[in-house]
Amino acid sequence: MFLTGAALFLAAIFGRGGDPNVLAIYRWLSAQGIKNKGRWFDGASSHNIFRAMVVHPVYAKDKATALAVEYLADLQTETGGWGDDLSFYQTLNALAHLDFPLVEPQLERAFERLWEKQDRGGTWSLSEPEWNTFLAIHALKNKGLL
């Protein structure tokens, strides 16, 4: 399922989100996400599938996506992160694609953390600074802050 999420993400961002086979998998994953209250299989697979849902024009508004946003709201800490099991930058970026009511308070806390963690050179994160800086800037751009 981890690779399924990654494949759907790529299909959606490269304009193949309307392919009948891709849509069939999205429909199946939507049903699984609704049944499991915003979760899909294991944690890593759930994260990849959530990222695939948010970049699809239809499934970004899906009930399974909304349930995943609720799940993330329950996980978010006072410091703006979502615990050690979820990448802060990937989760921030995924949420910044959405317009659900529960997204904005999460992003507000996360953006506060983001400003605090930016290093003197303008990047974020000691591990994978190029990737994580891209994710942060993309999230800021998606929310009209750049």
C-alpha atoms as a PDB file:
ATOM      1  CA  MET A   1       0.000   0.000   0.000  1.00  0.00           C
ATOM      2  CA  PHE A   2       2.962   2.322   0.576  1.00  0.00           C
ATOM      3  CA  LEU A   3       3.841   2.134  -3.130  1.00  0.00           C
ATOM      4  CA  THR A   4       0.188   2.437  -4.151  1.00  0.00           C
ATOM      5  CA  GLY A   5       0.017   5.817  -2.420  1.00  0.00           C
ATOM      6  CA  ALA A   6       3.228   6.943  -4.087  1.00  0.00           C
ATOM      7  CA  ALA A   7       2.015   5.776  -7.516  1.00  0.00           C
ATOM      8  CA  LEU A   8      -1.324   7.580  -7.122  1.00  0.00           C
ATOM      9  CA  PHE A   9       0.453  10.755  -6.022  1.00  0.00           C
ATOM     10  CA  LEU A  10       2.584  10.664  -9.168  1.00  0.00           C
ATOM     11  CA  ALA A  11      -0.404   9.810 -11.373  1.00  0.00           C
ATOM     12  CA  ALA A  12      -2.323  12.803 -10.019  1.00  0.00           C
ATOM     13  CA  ILE A  13       0.477  15.348 -10.317  1.00  0.00           C
ATOM     14  CA  PHE A  14       1.352  14.202 -13.827  1.00  0.00           C
ATOM     15  CA  GLY A  15      -2.203  14.544 -15.133  1.00  0.00           C
ATOM     16  CA  ARG A  16      -3.253  10.884 -15.022  1.00  0.00           C
ATOM     17  CA  GLY A  17      -5.717  11.286 -12.151  1.00  0.00           C
ATOM     18  CA  GLY A  18      -8.671  10.801 -14.510  1.00  0.00           C
ATOM     19  CA  ASP A  19      -7.492   7.456 -15.861  1.00  0.00           C
ATOM     20  CA  PRO A  20     -10.207   4.827 -15.174  1.00  0.00           C
ATOM     21  CA  ASN A  21      -7.742   2.472 -13.456  1.00  0.00           C
ATOM     22  CA  VAL A  22      -6.392   5.279 -11.267  1.00  0.00           C
ATOM     23  CA  LEU A  23      -9.923   6.401 -10.375  1.00  0.00           C
ATOM     24  CA  ALA A  24     -10.886   2.843  -9.443  1.00  0.00           C
ATOM     25  CA  ILE A  25      -8.031   2.694  -6.940  1.00  0.00           C
ATOM     26  CA  TYR A  26      -8.942   6.125  -5.557  1.00  0.00           C
ATOM     27  CA  ARG A  27     -12.558   4.978  -5.085  1.00  0.00           C
ATOM     28  CA  TRP A  28     -11.414   1.845  -3.275  1.00  0.00           C
ATOM     29  CA  LEU A  29      -9.038   3.838  -1.065  1.00  0.00           C
ATOM     30  CA  SER A  30     -11.759   6.367  -0.308  1.00  0.00           C
ATOM     31  CA  ALA A  31     -14.003   3.571   0.962  1.00  0.00           C
ATOM     32  CA  GLN A  32     -11.133   2.182   3.068  1.00  0.00           C
ATOM     33  CA  GLY A  33     -10.366   5.621   4.477  1.00  0.00           C
ATOM     34  CA  ILE A  34     -13.995   6.210   5.420  1.00  0.00           C
ATOM     35  CA  LYS A  35     -14.284   2.768   6.998  1.00  0.00           C
ATOM     36  CA  ASN A  36     -11.055   3.347   8.982  1.00  0.00           C
ATOM     37  CA  LYS A  37     -11.845   6.967   9.951  1.00  0.00           C
ATOM     38  CA  GLY A  38      -9.122   8.647   7.937  1.00  0.00           C
ATOM     39  CA  ARG A  39      -6.504   5.932   8.121  1.00  0.00           C
ATOM     40  CA  TRP A  40      -5.313   3.451   5.552  1.00  0.00           C
ATOM     41  CA  PHE A  41      -3.437   0.313   6.565  1.00  0.00           C
ATOM     42  CA  ASP A  42      -0.127   1.101   8.346  1.00  0.00           C
ATOM     43  CA  GLY A  43       1.169   4.579   9.209  1.00  0.00           C
ATOM     44  CA  ALA A  44       3.578   5.000   6.286  1.00  0.00           C
ATOM     45  CA  SER A  45       0.968   3.822   3.775  1.00  0.00           C
ATOM     46  CA  SER A  46      -1.653   6.110   5.304  1.00  0.00           C
ATOM     47  CA  HIS A  47       0.667   9.078   4.965  1.00  0.00           C
ATOM     48  CA  ASN A  48       1.423   8.345   1.298  1.00  0.00           C
ATOM     49  CA  ILE A  49      -2.231   7.734   0.480  1.00  0.00           C
ATOM     50  CA  PHE A  50      -3.230  10.975   2.230  1.00  0.00           C
ATOM     51  CA  ARG A  51      -0.660  12.851   0.138  1.00  0.00           C
ATOM     52  CA  ALA A  52      -2.146  11.251  -2.992  1.00  0.00           C
ATOM     53  CA  MET A  53      -5.673  12.234  -1.934  1.00  0.00           C
ATOM     54  CA  VAL A  54      -4.805  15.914  -1.410  1.00  0.00           C
ATOM     55  CA  VAL A  55      -3.329  16.387  -4.897  1.00  0.00           C
ATOM     56  CA  HIS A  56      -6.298  14.858  -6.721  1.00  0.00           C
ATOM     57  CA  PRO A  57      -8.920  17.459  -7.700  1.00  0.00           C
ATOM     58  CA  VAL A  58     -11.838  15.221  -6.688  1.00  0.00           C
ATOM     59  CA  TYR A  59     -10.408  13.281  -3.760  1.00  0.00           C
ATOM     60  CA  ALA A  60      -8.954  16.375  -2.112  1.00  0.00           C
ATOM     61  CA  LYS A  61     -12.595  17.086  -1.155  1.00  0.00           C
ATOM     62  CA  ASP A  62     -13.457  13.478  -0.310  1.00  0.00           C
ATOM     63  CA  LYS A  63     -14.918  12.367   3.016  1.00  0.00           C
ATOM     64  CA  ALA A  64     -11.914  10.054   3.579  1.00  0.00           C
ATOM     65  CA  THR A  65      -9.596  13.054   3.187  1.00  0.00           C
ATOM     66  CA  ALA A  66     -11.704  15.060   5.641  1.00  0.00           C
ATOM     67  CA  LEU A  67     -11.514  12.188   8.125  1.00  0.00           C
ATOM     68  CA  ALA A  68      -7.725  12.080   7.721  1.00  0.00           C
ATOM     69  CA  VAL A  69      -7.598  15.817   8.488  1.00  0.00           C
ATOM     70  CA  GLU A  70      -9.586  15.144  11.678  1.00  0.00           C
ATOM     71  CA  TYR A  71      -7.196  12.339  12.589  1.00  0.00           C
ATOM     72  CA  LEU A  72      -4.208  14.669  12.071  1.00  0.00           C
ATOM     73  CA  ALA A  73      -5.874  17.391  14.164  1.00  0.00           C
ATOM     74  CA  ASP A  74      -6.071  14.915  17.045  1.00  0.00           C
ATOM     75  CA  LEU A  75      -2.389  14.028  16.601  1.00  0.00           C
ATOM     76  CA  GLN A  76      -1.027  17.555  16.365  1.00  0.00           C
ATOM     77  CA  THR A  77       1.027  18.683  19.326  1.00  0.00           C
ATOM     78  CA  GLU A  78       1.178  22.160  20.855  1.00  0.00           C
ATOM     79  CA  THR A  79       4.519  22.669  19.109  1.00  0.00           C
ATOM     80  CA  GLY A  80       2.861  22.310  15.704  1.00  0.00           C
ATOM     81  CA  GLY A  81       4.098  18.860  14.708  1.00  0.00           C
ATOM     82  CA  TRP A  82       2.203  15.613  14.378  1.00  0.00           C
ATOM     83  CA  GLY A  83       4.446  13.362  16.443  1.00  0.00           C
ATOM     84  CA  ASP A  84       7.605  11.487  15.609  1.00  0.00           C
ATOM     85  CA  ASP A  85       5.988   9.057  13.177  1.00  0.00           C
ATOM     86  CA  LEU A  86       4.947  11.678  10.607  1.00  0.00           C
ATOM     87  CA  SER A  87       7.250  13.928   8.639  1.00  0.00           C
ATOM     88  CA  PHE A  88       6.516  17.500   9.716  1.00  0.00           C
ATOM     89  CA  TYR A  89       7.316  18.949   6.293  1.00  0.00           C
ATOM     90  CA  GLN A  90       5.369  16.381   4.266  1.00  0.00           C
ATOM     91  CA  THR A  91       2.334  16.700   6.534  1.00  0.00           C
ATOM     92  CA  LEU A  92       2.518  20.507   6.420  1.00  0.00           C
ATOM     93  CA  ASN A  93       2.734  20.420   2.641  1.00  0.00           C
ATOM     94  CA  ALA A  94      -0.156  17.965   2.270  1.00  0.00           C
ATOM     95  CA  LEU A  95      -2.445  19.991   4.528  1.00  0.00           C
ATOM     96  CA  ALA A  96      -1.592  23.183   2.659  1.00  0.00           C
ATOM     97  CA  HIS A  97      -3.334  21.728  -0.414  1.00  0.00           C
ATOM     98  CA  LEU A  98      -6.680  21.638   1.405  1.00  0.00           C
ATOM     99  CA  ASP A  99      -9.446  24.018   2.463  1.00  0.00           C
ATOM    100  CA  PHE A 100     -11.201  22.083   5.240  1.00  0.00           C
ATOM    101  CA  PRO A 101     -12.073  24.047   8.410  1.00  0.00           C
ATOM    102  CA  LEU A 102      -9.799  21.855  10.562  1.00  0.00           C
ATOM    103  CA  VAL A 103      -6.819  22.550   8.302  1.00  0.00           C
ATOM    104  CA  GLU A 104      -6.362  26.221   9.151  1.00  0.00           C
ATOM    105  CA  PRO A 105      -5.757  25.840  12.921  1.00  0.00           C
ATOM    106  CA  GLN A 106      -3.293  23.039  12.207  1.00  0.00           C
ATOM    107  CA  LEU A 107      -1.436  25.129   9.666  1.00  0.00           C
ATOM    108  CA  GLU A 108      -1.387  28.128  11.978  1.00  0.00           C
ATOM    109  CA  ARG A 109       0.467  26.115  14.653  1.00  0.00           C
ATOM    110  CA  ALA A 110       2.694  24.479  12.052  1.00  0.00           C
ATOM    111  CA  PHE A 111       3.603  27.782  10.400  1.00  0.00           C
ATOM    112  CA  GLU A 112       4.585  29.196  13.810  1.00  0.00           C
ATOM    113  CA  ARG A 113       6.940  26.243  14.218  1.00  0.00           C
ATOM    114  CA  LEU A 114       8.179  26.699  10.669  1.00  0.00           C
ATOM    115  CA  TRP A 115       9.205  30.308  11.285  1.00  0.00           C
ATOM    116  CA  GLU A 116      10.991  29.297  14.491  1.00  0.00           C
ATOM    117  CA  LYS A 117      12.922  26.481  12.798  1.00  0.00           C
ATOM    118  CA  GLN A 118      14.198  28.307   9.704  1.00  0.00           C
ATOM    119  CA  ASP A 119      17.987  28.432   9.784  1.00  0.00           C
ATOM    120  CA  ARG A 120      20.147  31.476   9.106  1.00  0.00           C
ATOM    121  CA  GLY A 121      20.681  30.406   5.503  1.00  0.00           C
ATOM    122  CA  GLY A 122      16.930  30.381   4.858  1.00  0.00           C
ATOM    123  CA  THR A 123      16.433  26.622   4.709  1.00  0.00           C
ATOM    124  CA  TRP A 124      14.641  24.182   6.971  1.00  0.00           C
ATOM    125  CA  SER A 125      15.775  20.881   8.438  1.00  0.00           C
ATOM    126  CA  LEU A 126      19.232  19.449   8.966  1.00  0.00           C
ATOM    127  CA  SER A 127      18.242  16.238   7.213  1.00  0.00           C
ATOM    128  CA  GLU A 128      17.227  16.683   3.570  1.00  0.00           C
ATOM    129  CA  PRO A 129      17.253  20.508   3.710  1.00  0.00           C
ATOM    130  CA  GLU A 130      16.608  20.930  -0.033  1.00  0.00           C
ATOM    131  CA  TRP A 131      13.554  18.667  -0.030  1.00  0.00           C
ATOM    132  CA  ASN A 132      12.129  19.942   3.242  1.00  0.00           C
ATOM    133  CA  THR A 133      12.696  23.575   2.222  1.00  0.00           C
ATOM    134  CA  PHE A 134      10.825  22.900  -1.027  1.00  0.00           C
ATOM    135  CA  LEU A 135       7.940  21.362   0.933  1.00  0.00           C
ATOM    136  CA  ALA A 136       7.835  24.337   3.314  1.00  0.00           C
ATOM    137  CA  ILE A 137       7.952  26.949   0.547  1.00  0.00           C
ATOM    138  CA  HIS A 138       5.345  25.079  -1.491  1.00  0.00           C
ATOM    139  CA  ALA A 139       3.040  24.985   1.555  1.00  0.00           C
ATOM    140  CA  LEU A 140       3.510  28.720   2.158  1.00  0.00           C
ATOM    141  CA  LYS A 141       2.810  29.424  -1.527  1.00  0.00           C
ATOM    142  CA  ASN A 142      -0.323  27.210  -1.531  1.00  0.00           C
ATOM    143  CA  LYS A 143      -1.734  29.229   1.358  1.00  0.00           C
ATOM    144  CA  GLY A 144      -0.907  32.593  -0.242  1.00  0.00           C
ATOM    145  CA  LEU A 145       1.830  33.494   2.215  1.00  0.00           C
ATOM    146  CA  LEU A 146       4.468  33.969  -0.480  1.00  0.00           C
END
